[in-house]
């Protein structure tokens, strides 16, 4: 019986901690922001499984399973060189953005 209670207690702690971590990370449509150098022709696009919408001068998307660099490069391939790329409020530095823009169309 005590093993079952210990398991239930551990499960409850894991659930609470897991929820806290999930809430700390932005998951909404603005998790990623890609600001193109030139105005885009289209105001929406899809990269693999990620839907991007153009608003307020940047393409934004919800969190996706791909690595950040891969997402940046996929956007740059479709819309051209990016002025900036932000993940959860953290902008890519100049060197990282240059690596991303190497894939620009």
C-alpha atoms as a PDB file:
ATOM      1  CA  UNK A   1       0.000   0.000   0.000  1.00  0.00           C
ATOM      2  CA  UNK A   2       2.801   2.428   0.833  1.00  0.00           C
ATOM      3  CA  UNK A   3       4.400   1.787  -2.553  1.00  0.00           C
ATOM      4  CA  UNK A   4       1.185   2.733  -4.274  1.00  0.00           C
ATOM      5  CA  UNK A   5       0.912   5.934  -2.244  1.00  0.00           C
ATOM      6  CA  UNK A   6       4.554   6.775  -2.985  1.00  0.00           C
ATOM      7  CA  UNK A   7       3.928   6.222  -6.687  1.00  0.00           C
ATOM      8  CA  UNK A   8       0.805   8.409  -6.659  1.00  0.00           C
ATOM      9  CA  UNK A   9       2.704  11.122  -4.786  1.00  0.00           C
ATOM     10  CA  UNK A  10       5.591  11.007  -7.263  1.00  0.00           C
ATOM     11  CA  UNK A  11       3.148  11.114 -10.154  1.00  0.00           C
ATOM     12  CA  UNK A  12       1.406  14.153  -8.673  1.00  0.00           C
ATOM     13  CA  UNK A  13       4.720  15.994  -8.201  1.00  0.00           C
ATOM     14  CA  UNK A  14       5.799  15.146 -11.751  1.00  0.00           C
ATOM     15  CA  UNK A  15       2.479  16.369 -13.116  1.00  0.00           C
ATOM     16  CA  UNK A  16       2.660  19.643 -11.201  1.00  0.00           C
ATOM     17  CA  UNK A  17       6.296  20.266 -12.182  1.00  0.00           C
ATOM     18  CA  UNK A  18       5.596  19.332 -15.785  1.00  0.00           C
ATOM     19  CA  UNK A  19       2.701  21.791 -15.892  1.00  0.00           C
ATOM     20  CA  UNK A  20       4.874  24.526 -14.425  1.00  0.00           C
ATOM     21  CA  UNK A  21       7.544  24.003 -17.065  1.00  0.00           C
ATOM     22  CA  UNK A  22       4.964  23.972 -19.846  1.00  0.00           C
ATOM     23  CA  UNK A  23       3.453  27.232 -18.609  1.00  0.00           C
ATOM     24  CA  UNK A  24       6.841  28.934 -18.422  1.00  0.00           C
ATOM     25  CA  UNK A  25       7.447  28.521 -22.167  1.00  0.00           C
ATOM     26  CA  UNK A  26       5.324  30.552 -24.573  1.00  0.00           C
ATOM     27  CA  UNK A  27       3.356  28.172 -26.786  1.00  0.00           C
ATOM     28  CA  UNK A  28       1.088  30.562 -28.667  1.00  0.00           C
ATOM     29  CA  UNK A  29       1.265  31.855 -32.209  1.00  0.00           C
ATOM     30  CA  UNK A  30       4.152  34.199 -31.410  1.00  0.00           C
ATOM     31  CA  UNK A  31       6.701  31.663 -30.175  1.00  0.00           C
ATOM     32  CA  UNK A  32       8.729  32.272 -33.353  1.00  0.00           C
ATOM     33  CA  UNK A  33       8.978  35.587 -35.219  1.00  0.00           C
ATOM     34  CA  UNK A  34      10.743  36.003 -38.563  1.00  0.00           C
ATOM     35  CA  UNK A  35      11.082  39.531 -39.920  1.00  0.00           C
ATOM     36  CA  UNK A  36      11.831  39.566 -43.655  1.00  0.00           C
ATOM     37  CA  UNK A  37      14.020  42.280 -45.187  1.00  0.00           C
ATOM     38  CA  UNK A  38      11.510  42.803 -48.011  1.00  0.00           C
ATOM     39  CA  UNK A  39       7.730  42.874 -47.698  1.00  0.00           C
ATOM     40  CA  UNK A  40       6.280  39.439 -48.482  1.00  0.00           C
ATOM     41  CA  UNK A  41       3.940  38.726 -51.378  1.00  0.00           C
ATOM     42  CA  UNK A  42       1.865  36.247 -49.347  1.00  0.00           C
ATOM     43  CA  UNK A  43       0.698  36.756 -45.774  1.00  0.00           C
ATOM     44  CA  UNK A  44       0.720  33.094 -44.780  1.00  0.00           C
ATOM     45  CA  UNK A  45       2.815  30.024 -45.498  1.00  0.00           C
ATOM     46  CA  UNK A  46       3.536  26.534 -44.222  1.00  0.00           C
ATOM     47  CA  UNK A  47       7.015  25.128 -43.598  1.00  0.00           C
ATOM     48  CA  UNK A  48       6.733  21.374 -43.172  1.00  0.00           C
ATOM     49  CA  UNK A  49       4.010  21.279 -40.481  1.00  0.00           C
ATOM     50  CA  UNK A  50       4.373  24.841 -39.158  1.00  0.00           C
ATOM     51  CA  UNK A  51       1.837  27.516 -40.112  1.00  0.00           C
ATOM     52  CA  UNK A  52       3.238  31.062 -40.333  1.00  0.00           C
ATOM     53  CA  UNK A  53       1.084  34.215 -40.439  1.00  0.00           C
ATOM     54  CA  UNK A  54       2.379  37.665 -41.344  1.00  0.00           C
ATOM     55  CA  UNK A  55       1.331  40.345 -38.837  1.00  0.00           C
ATOM     56  CA  UNK A  56       2.904  43.555 -37.629  1.00  0.00           C
ATOM     57  CA  UNK A  57       5.880  43.225 -39.984  1.00  0.00           C
ATOM     58  CA  UNK A  58       6.848  39.625 -39.092  1.00  0.00           C
ATOM     59  CA  UNK A  59       5.844  36.056 -39.762  1.00  0.00           C
ATOM     60  CA  UNK A  60       4.855  34.373 -36.489  1.00  0.00           C
ATOM     61  CA  UNK A  61       4.239  30.748 -35.595  1.00  0.00           C
ATOM     62  CA  UNK A  62       3.507  28.534 -32.618  1.00  0.00           C
ATOM     63  CA  UNK A  63       6.189  26.251 -31.188  1.00  0.00           C
ATOM     64  CA  UNK A  64       7.178  23.484 -33.592  1.00  0.00           C
ATOM     65  CA  UNK A  65       9.138  20.224 -33.277  1.00  0.00           C
ATOM     66  CA  UNK A  66      11.944  21.307 -35.649  1.00  0.00           C
ATOM     67  CA  UNK A  67      15.180  22.899 -34.460  1.00  0.00           C
ATOM     68  CA  UNK A  68      15.168  26.692 -34.463  1.00  0.00           C
ATOM     69  CA  UNK A  69      17.856  26.950 -37.150  1.00  0.00           C
ATOM     70  CA  UNK A  70      15.943  24.605 -39.435  1.00  0.00           C
ATOM     71  CA  UNK A  71      12.794  26.698 -39.053  1.00  0.00           C
ATOM     72  CA  UNK A  72      14.712  29.906 -39.712  1.00  0.00           C
ATOM     73  CA  UNK A  73      16.257  28.444 -42.857  1.00  0.00           C
ATOM     74  CA  UNK A  74      12.904  27.142 -44.102  1.00  0.00           C
ATOM     75  CA  UNK A  75      11.372  30.610 -43.733  1.00  0.00           C
ATOM     76  CA  UNK A  76      14.376  32.259 -45.421  1.00  0.00           C
ATOM     77  CA  UNK A  77      14.060  29.816 -48.337  1.00  0.00           C
ATOM     78  CA  UNK A  78      10.481  30.925 -48.886  1.00  0.00           C
ATOM     79  CA  UNK A  79      10.522  34.665 -48.178  1.00  0.00           C
ATOM     80  CA  UNK A  80      14.145  35.658 -48.696  1.00  0.00           C
ATOM     81  CA  UNK A  81      16.692  37.200 -46.374  1.00  0.00           C
ATOM     82  CA  UNK A  82      15.548  37.818 -42.802  1.00  0.00           C
ATOM     83  CA  UNK A  83      16.226  40.957 -40.811  1.00  0.00           C
ATOM     84  CA  UNK A  84      15.697  39.032 -37.566  1.00  0.00           C
ATOM     85  CA  UNK A  85      14.551  35.679 -36.193  1.00  0.00           C
ATOM     86  CA  UNK A  86      13.292  35.356 -32.632  1.00  0.00           C
ATOM     87  CA  UNK A  87      12.581  32.247 -30.562  1.00  0.00           C
ATOM     88  CA  UNK A  88      10.532  32.705 -27.379  1.00  0.00           C
ATOM     89  CA  UNK A  89      11.567  36.361 -27.229  1.00  0.00           C
ATOM     90  CA  UNK A  90      15.309  35.669 -27.788  1.00  0.00           C
ATOM     91  CA  UNK A  91      16.661  37.030 -31.075  1.00  0.00           C
ATOM     92  CA  UNK A  92      19.312  35.179 -33.056  1.00  0.00           C
ATOM     93  CA  UNK A  93      22.687  36.921 -32.873  1.00  0.00           C
ATOM     94  CA  UNK A  94      24.263  38.271 -36.088  1.00  0.00           C
ATOM     95  CA  UNK A  95      26.382  35.172 -36.786  1.00  0.00           C
ATOM     96  CA  UNK A  96      23.482  32.776 -36.290  1.00  0.00           C
ATOM     97  CA  UNK A  97      21.202  34.916 -38.442  1.00  0.00           C
ATOM     98  CA  UNK A  98      23.885  34.952 -41.176  1.00  0.00           C
ATOM     99  CA  UNK A  99      23.935  31.138 -41.103  1.00  0.00           C
ATOM    100  CA  UNK A 100      20.154  31.129 -41.452  1.00  0.00           C
ATOM    101  CA  UNK A 101      20.190  33.668 -44.283  1.00  0.00           C
ATOM    102  CA  UNK A 102      22.684  31.549 -46.237  1.00  0.00           C
ATOM    103  CA  UNK A 103      19.623  29.489 -47.275  1.00  0.00           C
ATOM    104  CA  UNK A 104      17.625  32.534 -48.423  1.00  0.00           C
ATOM    105  CA  UNK A 105      16.201  32.458 -51.926  1.00  0.00           C
END
